[in-house]
Amino acid sequence: MLVSSIGRFGDCPPTDREGFLAVAEALHSYLPWRIIKDGEQLSPVAYHRVPAGVQKHYEEMDSLGQFIAIGDALCIFNPIHAQGMSAAARSRAFVRRVAVRHRSSERGLDR
C-alpha cells in the first residue's frame, strides 16, 4: 500500500515516521491512521516537491520540423493536482481533430 500526505503553500508534511503518523492521526477521519499505524514501513518516507508548474514555449523555436509536443513535453503540472493525464488526453484529442481536418484538406498534413 502506498500512503501519501500532501501539503501546499509551505505547509509540508513531516518526512519522519512519527510526524507522518501524527499528520494522519490529526485528519478529520481516523481511518487512514488506523490503517497505517501498525503497518510495516518498507521504505523511508520520500519527499517530493514541485515548486511550480512549467509551460514550455515551443512556438519560440526557429523550426519544429514534424514535432508535436503533448502531455508533459508541453506543460508539467504538480502531480498532486492530478492534471497531467487529463492534459495529455486533451492534447491528443486536439491533435487528432487537427490531423483529421487537415488530412481531408488540399494541404494535407504537411502544412
PDB file of N, CA and C in Angstrom:
ATOM      1  N   MET A   1       0.848  -1.172   0.000  1.00  0.00           N
ATOM      2  CA  MET A   1       0.000   0.000   0.000  1.00  0.00           C
ATOM      3  C   MET A   1       0.891   1.231   0.000  1.00  0.00           C
ATOM      4  N   LEU A   2       0.538   2.182  -0.785  1.00  0.00           N
ATOM      5  CA  LEU A   2       1.235   3.458  -0.847  1.00  0.00           C
ATOM      6  C   LEU A   2       0.375   4.494  -0.138  1.00  0.00           C
ATOM      7  N   VAL A   3       0.981   5.223   0.774  1.00  0.00           N
ATOM      8  CA  VAL A   3       0.260   6.252   1.519  1.00  0.00           C
ATOM      9  C   VAL A   3       0.942   7.591   1.255  1.00  0.00           C
ATOM     10  N   SER A   4       0.163   8.593   0.909  1.00  0.00           N
ATOM     11  CA  SER A   4       0.705   9.921   0.614  1.00  0.00           C
ATOM     12  C   SER A   4       0.119  10.951   1.563  1.00  0.00           C
ATOM     13  N   SER A   5       0.927  11.925   1.891  1.00  0.00           N
ATOM     14  CA  SER A   5       0.489  13.080   2.658  1.00  0.00           C
ATOM     15  C   SER A   5       0.903  14.298   1.850  1.00  0.00           C
ATOM     16  N   ILE A   6      -0.016  15.210   1.644  1.00  0.00           N
ATOM     17  CA  ILE A   6       0.210  16.324   0.735  1.00  0.00           C
ATOM     18  C   ILE A   6       0.082  17.646   1.487  1.00  0.00           C
ATOM     19  N   GLY A   7       0.971  18.567   1.193  1.00  0.00           N
ATOM     20  CA  GLY A   7       0.894  19.907   1.754  1.00  0.00           C
ATOM     21  C   GLY A   7       0.956  20.930   0.638  1.00  0.00           C
ATOM     22  N   ARG A   8       0.708  22.173   0.981  1.00  0.00           N
ATOM     23  CA  ARG A   8       0.815  23.234  -0.003  1.00  0.00           C
ATOM     24  C   ARG A   8       1.056  24.559   0.693  1.00  0.00           C
ATOM     25  N   PHE A   9       1.518  25.530  -0.087  1.00  0.00           N
ATOM     26  CA  PHE A   9       1.809  26.870   0.426  1.00  0.00           C
ATOM     27  C   PHE A   9       2.783  26.827   1.610  1.00  0.00           C
ATOM     28  N   GLY A  10       3.797  25.988   1.508  1.00  0.00           N
ATOM     29  CA  GLY A  10       4.814  25.912   2.554  1.00  0.00           C
ATOM     30  C   GLY A  10       4.447  25.034   3.734  1.00  0.00           C
ATOM     31  N   ASP A  11       3.235  24.549   3.796  1.00  0.00           N
ATOM     32  CA  ASP A  11       2.806  23.656   4.881  1.00  0.00           C
ATOM     33  C   ASP A  11       3.072  22.222   4.431  1.00  0.00           C
ATOM     34  N   CYS A  12       4.319  21.782   4.594  1.00  0.00           N
ATOM     35  CA  CYS A  12       4.732  20.476   4.097  1.00  0.00           C
ATOM     36  C   CYS A  12       4.645  19.427   5.208  1.00  0.00           C
ATOM     37  N   PRO A  13       4.202  18.230   4.881  1.00  0.00           N
ATOM     38  CA  PRO A  13       4.110  17.172   5.885  1.00  0.00           C
ATOM     39  C   PRO A  13       5.503  16.718   6.319  1.00  0.00           C
ATOM     40  N   PRO A  14       5.614  16.188   7.526  1.00  0.00           N
ATOM     41  CA  PRO A  14       6.907  15.707   8.019  1.00  0.00           C
ATOM     42  C   PRO A  14       7.405  14.508   7.209  1.00  0.00           C
ATOM     43  N   THR A  15       8.710  14.303   7.242  1.00  0.00           N
ATOM     44  CA  THR A  15       9.295  13.183   6.492  1.00  0.00           C
ATOM     45  C   THR A  15       9.754  12.048   7.405  1.00  0.00           C
ATOM     46  N   ASP A  16       9.502  12.153   8.691  1.00  0.00           N
ATOM     47  CA  ASP A  16       9.818  11.042   9.596  1.00  0.00           C
ATOM     48  C   ASP A  16       8.535  10.270   9.905  1.00  0.00           C
ATOM     49  N   ARG A  17       8.663   9.010  10.295  1.00  0.00           N
ATOM     50  CA  ARG A  17       7.506   8.149  10.525  1.00  0.00           C
ATOM     51  C   ARG A  17       6.570   8.714  11.594  1.00  0.00           C
ATOM     52  N   GLU A  18       7.126   9.174  12.700  1.00  0.00           N
ATOM     53  CA  GLU A  18       6.302   9.681  13.799  1.00  0.00           C
ATOM     54  C   GLU A  18       5.499  10.907  13.358  1.00  0.00           C
ATOM     55  N   GLY A  19       6.157  11.821  12.643  1.00  0.00           N
ATOM     56  CA  GLY A  19       5.466  13.007  12.152  1.00  0.00           C
ATOM     57  C   GLY A  19       4.403  12.660  11.122  1.00  0.00           C
ATOM     58  N   PHE A  20       4.723  11.703  10.248  1.00  0.00           N
ATOM     59  CA  PHE A  20       3.783  11.261   9.237  1.00  0.00           C
ATOM     60  C   PHE A  20       2.536  10.675   9.898  1.00  0.00           C
ATOM     61  N   LEU A  21       2.741   9.843  10.911  1.00  0.00           N
ATOM     62  CA  LEU A  21       1.607   9.246  11.631  1.00  0.00           C
ATOM     63  C   LEU A  21       0.805  10.312  12.383  1.00  0.00           C
ATOM     64  N   ALA A  22       1.499  11.316  12.925  1.00  0.00           N
ATOM     65  CA  ALA A  22       0.799  12.389  13.640  1.00  0.00           C
ATOM     66  C   ALA A  22      -0.120  13.160  12.691  1.00  0.00           C
ATOM     67  N   VAL A  23       0.349  13.406  11.470  1.00  0.00           N
ATOM     68  CA  VAL A  23      -0.500  14.083  10.478  1.00  0.00           C
ATOM     69  C   VAL A  23      -1.718  13.224  10.171  1.00  0.00           C
ATOM     70  N   ALA A  24      -1.507  11.925   9.972  1.00  0.00           N
ATOM     71  CA  ALA A  24      -2.618  11.012   9.670  1.00  0.00           C
ATOM     72  C   ALA A  24      -3.614  10.971  10.828  1.00  0.00           C
ATOM     73  N   GLU A  25      -3.113  10.986  12.033  1.00  0.00           N
ATOM     74  CA  GLU A  25      -3.998  10.919  13.206  1.00  0.00           C
ATOM     75  C   GLU A  25      -4.809  12.206  13.372  1.00  0.00           C
ATOM     76  N   ALA A  26      -4.271  13.327  12.904  1.00  0.00           N
ATOM     77  CA  ALA A  26      -4.958  14.621  13.053  1.00  0.00           C
ATOM     78  C   ALA A  26      -6.001  14.881  11.971  1.00  0.00           C
ATOM     79  N   LEU A  27      -6.113  13.994  11.006  1.00  0.00           N
ATOM     80  CA  LEU A  27      -7.109  14.187   9.945  1.00  0.00           C
ATOM     81  C   LEU A  27      -8.524  14.098  10.504  1.00  0.00           C
ATOM     82  N   HIS A  28      -9.504  14.582   9.742  1.00  0.00           N
ATOM     83  CA  HIS A  28     -10.898  14.568  10.204  1.00  0.00           C
ATOM     84  C   HIS A  28     -11.442  13.145  10.327  1.00  0.00           C
ATOM     85  N   SER A  29     -10.779  12.206   9.671  1.00  0.00           N
ATOM     86  CA  SER A  29     -11.163  10.791   9.780  1.00  0.00           C
ATOM     87  C   SER A  29      -9.985  10.009  10.350  1.00  0.00           C
ATOM     88  N   TYR A  30     -10.245   9.114  11.291  1.00  0.00           N
ATOM     89  CA  TYR A  30      -9.183   8.294  11.859  1.00  0.00           C
ATOM     90  C   TYR A  30      -8.849   7.093  10.987  1.00  0.00           C
ATOM     91  N   LEU A  31      -9.601   6.853   9.935  1.00  0.00           N
ATOM     92  CA  LEU A  31      -9.397   5.671   9.106  1.00  0.00           C
ATOM     93  C   LEU A  31      -7.973   5.558   8.540  1.00  0.00           C
ATOM     94  N   PRO A  32      -7.405   6.607   7.910  1.00  0.00           N
ATOM     95  CA  PRO A  32      -6.034   6.453   7.398  1.00  0.00           C
ATOM     96  C   PRO A  32      -5.042   6.085   8.500  1.00  0.00           C
ATOM     97  N   TRP A  33      -5.143   6.750   9.634  1.00  0.00           N
ATOM     98  CA  TRP A  33      -4.231   6.470  10.746  1.00  0.00           C
ATOM     99  C   TRP A  33      -4.404   5.035  11.235  1.00  0.00           C
ATOM    100  N   ARG A  34      -5.641   4.569  11.368  1.00  0.00           N
ATOM    101  CA  ARG A  34      -5.878   3.188  11.832  1.00  0.00           C
ATOM    102  C   ARG A  34      -5.316   2.174  10.847  1.00  0.00           C
ATOM    103  N   ILE A  35      -5.368   2.493   9.564  1.00  0.00           N
ATOM    104  CA  ILE A  35      -4.854   1.566   8.556  1.00  0.00           C
ATOM    105  C   ILE A  35      -3.332   1.491   8.596  1.00  0.00           C
ATOM    106  N   ILE A  36      -2.648   2.630   8.754  1.00  0.00           N
ATOM    107  CA  ILE A  36      -1.185   2.631   8.618  1.00  0.00           C
ATOM    108  C   ILE A  36      -0.414   2.541   9.937  1.00  0.00           C
ATOM    109  N   LYS A  37      -1.048   2.768  11.074  1.00  0.00           N
ATOM    110  CA  LYS A  37      -0.297   2.852  12.337  1.00  0.00           C
ATOM    111  C   LYS A  37       0.444   1.569  12.689  1.00  0.00           C
ATOM    112  N   ASP A  38      -0.118   0.427  12.377  1.00  0.00           N
ATOM    113  CA  ASP A  38       0.530  -0.839  12.714  1.00  0.00           C
ATOM    114  C   ASP A  38       1.187  -1.497  11.501  1.00  0.00           C
ATOM    115  N   GLY A  39       1.168  -0.814  10.378  1.00  0.00           N
ATOM    116  CA  GLY A  39       1.743  -1.380   9.167  1.00  0.00           C
ATOM    117  C   GLY A  39       3.262  -1.356   9.198  1.00  0.00           C
ATOM    118  N   GLU A  40       3.850  -2.263   8.443  1.00  0.00           N
ATOM    119  CA  GLU A  40       5.305  -2.313   8.331  1.00  0.00           C
ATOM    120  C   GLU A  40       5.749  -1.304   7.277  1.00  0.00           C
ATOM    121  N   GLN A  41       6.650  -0.419   7.649  1.00  0.00           N
ATOM    122  CA  GLN A  41       7.174   0.569   6.717  1.00  0.00           C
ATOM    123  C   GLN A  41       8.281  -0.091   5.904  1.00  0.00           C
ATOM    124  N   LEU A  42       8.105  -0.179   4.599  1.00  0.00           N
ATOM    125  CA  LEU A  42       9.043  -0.884   3.732  1.00  0.00           C
ATOM    126  C   LEU A  42      10.152   0.008   3.178  1.00  0.00           C
ATOM    127  N   SER A  43       9.944   1.306   3.197  1.00  0.00           N
ATOM    128  CA  SER A  43      10.967   2.223   2.695  1.00  0.00           C
ATOM    129  C   SER A  43      10.884   3.528   3.479  1.00  0.00           C
ATOM    130  N   PRO A  44      11.936   4.323   3.393  1.00  0.00           N
ATOM    131  CA  PRO A  44      11.877   5.622   4.081  1.00  0.00           C
ATOM    132  C   PRO A  44      10.781   6.503   3.477  1.00  0.00           C
ATOM    133  N   VAL A  45      10.317   7.462   4.242  1.00  0.00           N
ATOM    134  CA  VAL A  45       9.352   8.421   3.732  1.00  0.00           C
ATOM    135  C   VAL A  45      10.041   9.228   2.637  1.00  0.00           C
ATOM    136  N   ALA A  46       9.438   9.269   1.471  1.00  0.00           N
ATOM    137  CA  ALA A  46      10.005  10.017   0.351  1.00  0.00           C
ATOM    138  C   ALA A  46       9.408  11.409   0.319  1.00  0.00           C
ATOM    139  N   TYR A  47      10.219  12.361  -0.045  1.00  0.00           N
ATOM    140  CA  TYR A  47       9.789  13.752  -0.102  1.00  0.00           C
ATOM    141  C   TYR A  47       9.949  14.240  -1.533  1.00  0.00           C
ATOM    142  N   HIS A  48       8.878  14.728  -2.113  1.00  0.00           N
ATOM    143  CA  HIS A  48       8.912  15.227  -3.487  1.00  0.00           C
ATOM    144  C   HIS A  48       8.269  16.590  -3.509  1.00  0.00           C
ATOM    145  N   ARG A  49       8.956  17.541  -4.079  1.00  0.00           N
ATOM    146  CA  ARG A  49       8.415  18.889  -4.111  1.00  0.00           C
ATOM    147  C   ARG A  49       8.444  19.430  -5.534  1.00  0.00           C
ATOM    148  N   VAL A  50       7.327  19.946  -5.983  1.00  0.00           N
ATOM    149  CA  VAL A  50       7.223  20.599  -7.288  1.00  0.00           C
ATOM    150  C   VAL A  50       6.943  22.068  -7.005  1.00  0.00           C
ATOM    151  N   PRO A  51       7.932  22.941  -7.169  1.00  0.00           N
ATOM    152  CA  PRO A  51       7.746  24.335  -6.780  1.00  0.00           C
ATOM    153  C   PRO A  51       6.801  25.128  -7.676  1.00  0.00           C
ATOM    154  N   ALA A  52       6.662  24.708  -8.944  1.00  0.00           N
ATOM    155  CA  ALA A  52       5.805  25.479  -9.847  1.00  0.00           C
ATOM    156  C   ALA A  52       5.481  24.653 -11.081  1.00  0.00           C
ATOM    157  N   GLY A  53       4.359  24.971 -11.706  1.00  0.00           N
ATOM    158  CA  GLY A  53       4.051  24.375 -12.995  1.00  0.00           C
ATOM    159  C   GLY A  53       4.966  24.975 -14.058  1.00  0.00           C
ATOM    160  N   VAL A  54       5.185  24.247 -15.128  1.00  0.00           N
ATOM    161  CA  VAL A  54       6.082  24.706 -16.183  1.00  0.00           C
ATOM    162  C   VAL A  54       5.378  24.605 -17.522  1.00  0.00           C
ATOM    163  N   GLN A  55       5.439  25.672 -18.297  1.00  0.00           N
ATOM    164  CA  GLN A  55       4.937  25.638 -19.659  1.00  0.00           C
ATOM    165  C   GLN A  55       6.115  25.948 -20.571  1.00  0.00           C
ATOM    166  N   LYS A  56       6.329  25.099 -21.563  1.00  0.00           N
ATOM    167  CA  LYS A  56       7.440  25.285 -22.486  1.00  0.00           C
ATOM    168  C   LYS A  56       6.920  25.967 -23.745  1.00  0.00           C
ATOM    169  N   HIS A  57       7.647  26.931 -24.232  1.00  0.00           N
ATOM    170  CA  HIS A  57       7.201  27.741 -25.366  1.00  0.00           C
ATOM    171  C   HIS A  57       7.896  27.302 -26.645  1.00  0.00           C
ATOM    172  N   TYR A  58       7.411  26.207 -27.208  1.00  0.00           N
ATOM    173  CA  TYR A  58       7.975  25.697 -28.453  1.00  0.00           C
ATOM    174  C   TYR A  58       7.704  26.637 -29.621  1.00  0.00           C
ATOM    175  N   GLU A  59       6.683  27.459 -29.525  1.00  0.00           N
ATOM    176  CA  GLU A  59       6.371  28.382 -30.619  1.00  0.00           C
ATOM    177  C   GLU A  59       7.496  29.389 -30.830  1.00  0.00           C
ATOM    178  N   GLU A  60       8.388  29.535 -29.867  1.00  0.00           N
ATOM    179  CA  GLU A  60       9.506  30.463 -29.994  1.00  0.00           C
ATOM    180  C   GLU A  60      10.716  29.830 -30.672  1.00  0.00           C
ATOM    181  N   MET A  61      10.653  28.538 -30.958  1.00  0.00           N
ATOM    182  CA  MET A  61      11.762  27.869 -31.638  1.00  0.00           C
ATOM    183  C   MET A  61      11.775  28.246 -33.115  1.00  0.00           C
ATOM    184  N   ASP A  62      12.959  28.242 -33.703  1.00  0.00           N
ATOM    185  CA  ASP A  62      13.084  28.579 -35.126  1.00  0.00           C
ATOM    186  C   ASP A  62      12.406  27.551 -36.017  1.00  0.00           C
ATOM    187  N   SER A  63      12.557  26.267 -35.681  1.00  0.00           N
ATOM    188  CA  SER A  63      11.983  25.222 -36.516  1.00  0.00           C
ATOM    189  C   SER A  63      11.532  24.061 -35.646  1.00  0.00           C
ATOM    190  N   LEU A  64      10.329  23.596 -35.894  1.00  0.00           N
ATOM    191  CA  LEU A  64       9.808  22.445 -35.176  1.00  0.00           C
ATOM    192  C   LEU A  64       9.866  21.172 -36.003  1.00  0.00           C
ATOM    193  N   GLY A  65      10.069  21.312 -37.300  1.00  0.00           N
ATOM    194  CA  GLY A  65      10.049  20.136 -38.160  1.00  0.00           C
ATOM    195  C   GLY A  65       8.684  19.478 -38.073  1.00  0.00           C
ATOM    196  N   GLN A  66       8.655  18.176 -37.875  1.00  0.00           N
ATOM    197  CA  GLN A  66       7.386  17.455 -37.746  1.00  0.00           C
ATOM    198  C   GLN A  66       7.189  17.036 -36.290  1.00  0.00           C
ATOM    199  N   PHE A  67       7.481  17.939 -35.422  1.00  0.00           N
ATOM    200  CA  PHE A  67       7.451  17.697 -33.984  1.00  0.00           C
ATOM    201  C   PHE A  67       6.142  18.210 -33.396  1.00  0.00           C
ATOM    202  N   ILE A  68       5.485  17.394 -32.596  1.00  0.00           N
ATOM    203  CA  ILE A  68       4.287  17.821 -31.875  1.00  0.00           C
ATOM    204  C   ILE A  68       4.507  17.492 -30.403  1.00  0.00           C
ATOM    205  N   ALA A  69       4.461  18.500 -29.575  1.00  0.00           N
ATOM    206  CA  ALA A  69       4.627  18.305 -28.141  1.00  0.00           C
ATOM    207  C   ALA A  69       3.256  18.177 -27.484  1.00  0.00           C
ATOM    208  N   ILE A  70       3.069  17.125 -26.694  1.00  0.00           N
ATOM    209  CA  ILE A  70       1.837  16.955 -25.927  1.00  0.00           C
ATOM    210  C   ILE A  70       2.209  16.481 -24.526  1.00  0.00           C
ATOM    211  N   GLY A  71       1.246  16.486 -23.653  1.00  0.00           N
ATOM    212  CA  GLY A  71       1.459  15.969 -22.298  1.00  0.00           C
ATOM    213  C   GLY A  71       2.555  16.713 -21.563  1.00  0.00           C
ATOM    214  N   ASP A  72       3.399  15.974 -20.834  1.00  0.00           N
ATOM    215  CA  ASP A  72       4.459  16.583 -20.031  1.00  0.00           C
ATOM    216  C   ASP A  72       5.538  17.243 -20.876  1.00  0.00           C
ATOM    217  N   ALA A  73       5.621  16.919 -22.169  1.00  0.00           N
ATOM    218  CA  ALA A  73       6.579  17.603 -23.030  1.00  0.00           C
ATOM    219  C   ALA A  73       6.148  19.042 -23.276  1.00  0.00           C
ATOM    220  N   LEU A  74       4.879  19.324 -23.127  1.00  0.00           N
ATOM    221  CA  LEU A  74       4.342  20.656 -23.376  1.00  0.00           C
ATOM    222  C   LEU A  74       4.203  21.462 -22.085  1.00  0.00           C
ATOM    223  N   CYS A  75       3.666  20.835 -21.064  1.00  0.00           N
ATOM    224  CA  CYS A  75       3.493  21.524 -19.792  1.00  0.00           C
ATOM    225  C   CYS A  75       3.578  20.499 -18.667  1.00  0.00           C
ATOM    226  N   ILE A  76       4.194  20.896 -17.586  1.00  0.00           N
ATOM    227  CA  ILE A  76       4.387  19.997 -16.455  1.00  0.00           C
ATOM    228  C   ILE A  76       3.586  20.533 -15.275  1.00  0.00           C
ATOM    229  N   PHE A  77       2.681  19.709 -14.800  1.00  0.00           N
ATOM    230  CA  PHE A  77       1.856  20.092 -13.658  1.00  0.00           C
ATOM    231  C   PHE A  77       2.353  19.412 -12.397  1.00  0.00           C
ATOM    232  N   ASN A  78       2.049  19.994 -11.274  1.00  0.00           N
ATOM    233  CA  ASN A  78       2.320  19.357  -9.998  1.00  0.00           C
ATOM    234  C   ASN A  78       1.447  18.095  -9.926  1.00  0.00           C
ATOM    235  N   PRO A  79       2.049  16.922  -9.692  1.00  0.00           N
ATOM    236  CA  PRO A  79       1.256  15.686  -9.697  1.00  0.00           C
ATOM    237  C   PRO A  79       0.172  15.637  -8.631  1.00  0.00           C
ATOM    238  N   ILE A  80       0.287  16.439  -7.613  1.00  0.00           N
ATOM    239  CA  ILE A  80      -0.721  16.463  -6.558  1.00  0.00           C
ATOM    240  C   ILE A  80      -2.081  16.889  -7.115  1.00  0.00           C
ATOM    241  N   HIS A  81      -2.066  17.746  -8.121  1.00  0.00           N
ATOM    242  CA  HIS A  81      -3.313  18.265  -8.671  1.00  0.00           C
ATOM    243  C   HIS A  81      -3.947  17.334  -9.703  1.00  0.00           C
ATOM    244  N   ALA A  82      -3.266  16.267 -10.061  1.00  0.00           N
ATOM    245  CA  ALA A  82      -3.802  15.228 -10.958  1.00  0.00           C
ATOM    246  C   ALA A  82      -4.292  15.790 -12.289  1.00  0.00           C
ATOM    247  N   GLN A  83      -3.500  16.666 -12.906  1.00  0.00           N
ATOM    248  CA  GLN A  83      -3.886  17.267 -14.175  1.00  0.00           C
ATOM    249  C   GLN A  83      -3.110  16.700 -15.356  1.00  0.00           C
ATOM    250  N   GLY A  84      -1.992  16.034 -15.126  1.00  0.00           N
ATOM    251  CA  GLY A  84      -1.109  15.605 -16.200  1.00  0.00           C
ATOM    252  C   GLY A  84      -1.762  14.680 -17.210  1.00  0.00           C
ATOM    253  N   MET A  85      -2.424  13.640 -16.746  1.00  0.00           N
ATOM    254  CA  MET A  85      -3.065  12.695 -17.663  1.00  0.00           C
ATOM    255  C   MET A  85      -4.218  13.356 -18.414  1.00  0.00           C
ATOM    256  N   SER A  86      -4.955  14.222 -17.742  1.00  0.00           N
ATOM    257  CA  SER A  86      -6.049  14.934 -18.411  1.00  0.00           C
ATOM    258  C   SER A  86      -5.501  15.844 -19.501  1.00  0.00           C
ATOM    259  N   ALA A  87      -4.409  16.552 -19.197  1.00  0.00           N
ATOM    260  CA  ALA A  87      -3.807  17.441 -20.194  1.00  0.00           C
ATOM    261  C   ALA A  87      -3.289  16.642 -21.382  1.00  0.00           C
ATOM    262  N   ALA A  88      -2.673  15.499 -21.126  1.00  0.00           N
ATOM    263  CA  ALA A  88      -2.174  14.661 -22.219  1.00  0.00           C
ATOM    264  C   ALA A  88      -3.326  14.146 -23.076  1.00  0.00           C
ATOM    265  N   ALA A  89      -4.402  13.722 -22.447  1.00  0.00           N
ATOM    266  CA  ALA A  89      -5.556  13.210 -23.191  1.00  0.00           C
ATOM    267  C   ALA A  89      -6.208  14.318 -24.024  1.00  0.00           C
ATOM    268  N   ARG A  90      -6.330  15.505 -23.446  1.00  0.00           N
ATOM    269  CA  ARG A  90      -6.917  16.623 -24.195  1.00  0.00           C
ATOM    270  C   ARG A  90      -6.011  17.033 -25.350  1.00  0.00           C
ATOM    271  N   SER A  91      -4.699  17.017 -25.132  1.00  0.00           N
ATOM    272  CA  SER A  91      -3.749  17.339 -26.204  1.00  0.00           C
ATOM    273  C   SER A  91      -3.880  16.346 -27.343  1.00  0.00           C
ATOM    274  N   ARG A  92      -3.961  15.080 -27.002  1.00  0.00           N
ATOM    275  CA  ARG A  92      -4.090  14.022 -28.007  1.00  0.00           C
ATOM    276  C   ARG A  92      -5.377  14.198 -28.807  1.00  0.00           C
ATOM    277  N   ALA A  93      -6.474  14.515 -28.121  1.00  0.00           N
ATOM    278  CA  ALA A  93      -7.748  14.714 -28.807  1.00  0.00           C
ATOM    279  C   ALA A  93      -7.674  15.921 -29.745  1.00  0.00           C
ATOM    280  N   PHE A  94      -7.014  16.983 -29.311  1.00  0.00           N
ATOM    281  CA  PHE A  94      -6.866  18.174 -30.139  1.00  0.00           C
ATOM    282  C   PHE A  94      -6.029  17.867 -31.382  1.00  0.00           C
ATOM    283  N   VAL A  95      -4.896  17.182 -31.192  1.00  0.00           N
ATOM    284  CA  VAL A  95      -4.034  16.824 -32.321  1.00  0.00           C
ATOM    285  C   VAL A  95      -4.799  15.957 -33.313  1.00  0.00           C
ATOM    286  N   ARG A  96      -5.606  15.049 -32.819  1.00  0.00           N
ATOM    287  CA  ARG A  96      -6.385  14.183 -33.702  1.00  0.00           C
ATOM    288  C   ARG A  96      -7.389  15.003 -34.527  1.00  0.00           C
ATOM    289  N   ARG A  97      -8.098  15.932 -33.865  1.00  0.00           N
ATOM    290  CA  ARG A  97      -9.067  16.761 -34.594  1.00  0.00           C
ATOM    291  C   ARG A  97      -8.378  17.574 -35.690  1.00  0.00           C
ATOM    292  N   VAL A  98      -7.231  18.158 -35.371  1.00  0.00           N
ATOM    293  CA  VAL A  98      -6.499  18.960 -36.351  1.00  0.00           C
ATOM    294  C   VAL A  98      -6.016  18.070 -37.491  1.00  0.00           C
ATOM    295  N   ALA A  99      -5.483  16.898 -37.171  1.00  0.00           N
ATOM    296  CA  ALA A  99      -4.978  15.989 -38.199  1.00  0.00           C
ATOM    297  C   ALA A  99      -6.092  15.539 -39.137  1.00  0.00           C
ATOM    298  N   VAL A 100      -7.240  15.197 -38.582  1.00  0.00           N
ATOM    299  CA  VAL A 100      -8.371  14.763 -39.416  1.00  0.00           C
ATOM    300  C   VAL A 100      -8.814  15.898 -40.337  1.00  0.00           C
ATOM    301  N   ARG A 101      -8.885  17.107 -39.796  1.00  0.00           N
ATOM    302  CA  ARG A 101      -9.310  18.263 -40.593  1.00  0.00           C
ATOM    303  C   ARG A 101      -8.310  18.535 -41.725  1.00  0.00           C
ATOM    304  N   HIS A 102      -7.020  18.503 -41.426  1.00  0.00           N
ATOM    305  CA  HIS A 102      -6.008  18.819 -42.436  1.00  0.00           C
ATOM    306  C   HIS A 102      -5.788  17.678 -43.431  1.00  0.00           C
ATOM    307  N   ARG A 103      -5.976  16.463 -42.986  1.00  0.00           N
ATOM    308  CA  ARG A 103      -5.811  15.322 -43.887  1.00  0.00           C
ATOM    309  C   ARG A 103      -6.822  15.401 -45.028  1.00  0.00           C
ATOM    310  N   SER A 104      -8.019  15.888 -44.732  1.00  0.00           N
ATOM    311  CA  SER A 104      -9.059  15.955 -45.753  1.00  0.00           C
ATOM    312  C   SER A 104      -8.982  17.251 -46.561  1.00  0.00           C
ATOM    313  N   SER A 105      -8.084  18.172 -46.216  1.00  0.00           N
ATOM    314  CA  SER A 105      -7.971  19.416 -46.964  1.00  0.00           C
ATOM    315  C   SER A 105      -6.950  19.252 -48.092  1.00  0.00           C
ATOM    316  N   GLU A 106      -6.867  20.253 -48.937  1.00  0.00           N
ATOM    317  CA  GLU A 106      -5.925  20.219 -50.066  1.00  0.00           C
ATOM    318  C   GLU A 106      -4.483  20.187 -49.578  1.00  0.00           C
ATOM    319  N   ARG A 107      -4.212  20.847 -48.468  1.00  0.00           N
ATOM    320  CA  ARG A 107      -2.833  20.965 -47.978  1.00  0.00           C
ATOM    321  C   ARG A 107      -2.320  19.666 -47.368  1.00  0.00           C
ATOM    322  N   GLY A 108      -3.202  18.831 -46.899  1.00  0.00           N
ATOM    323  CA  GLY A 108      -2.763  17.593 -46.251  1.00  0.00           C
ATOM    324  C   GLY A 108      -2.117  17.862 -44.917  1.00  0.00           C
ATOM    325  N   LEU A 109      -1.343  16.935 -44.421  1.00  0.00           N
ATOM    326  CA  LEU A 109      -0.723  17.054 -43.103  1.00  0.00           C
ATOM    327  C   LEU A 109       0.602  17.805 -43.119  1.00  0.00           C
ATOM    328  N   ASP A 110       1.151  18.058 -44.314  1.00  0.00           N
ATOM    329  CA  ASP A 110       2.442  18.733 -44.383  1.00  0.00           C
ATOM    330  C   ASP A 110       2.391  20.182 -43.929  1.00  0.00           C
ATOM    331  N   ARG A 111       1.247  20.787 -43.909  1.00  0.00           N
ATOM    332  CA  ARG A 111       1.129  22.192 -43.506  1.00  0.00           C
ATOM    333  C   ARG A 111       0.496  22.279 -42.146  1.00  0.00           C
TER     334      ARG A 111
END
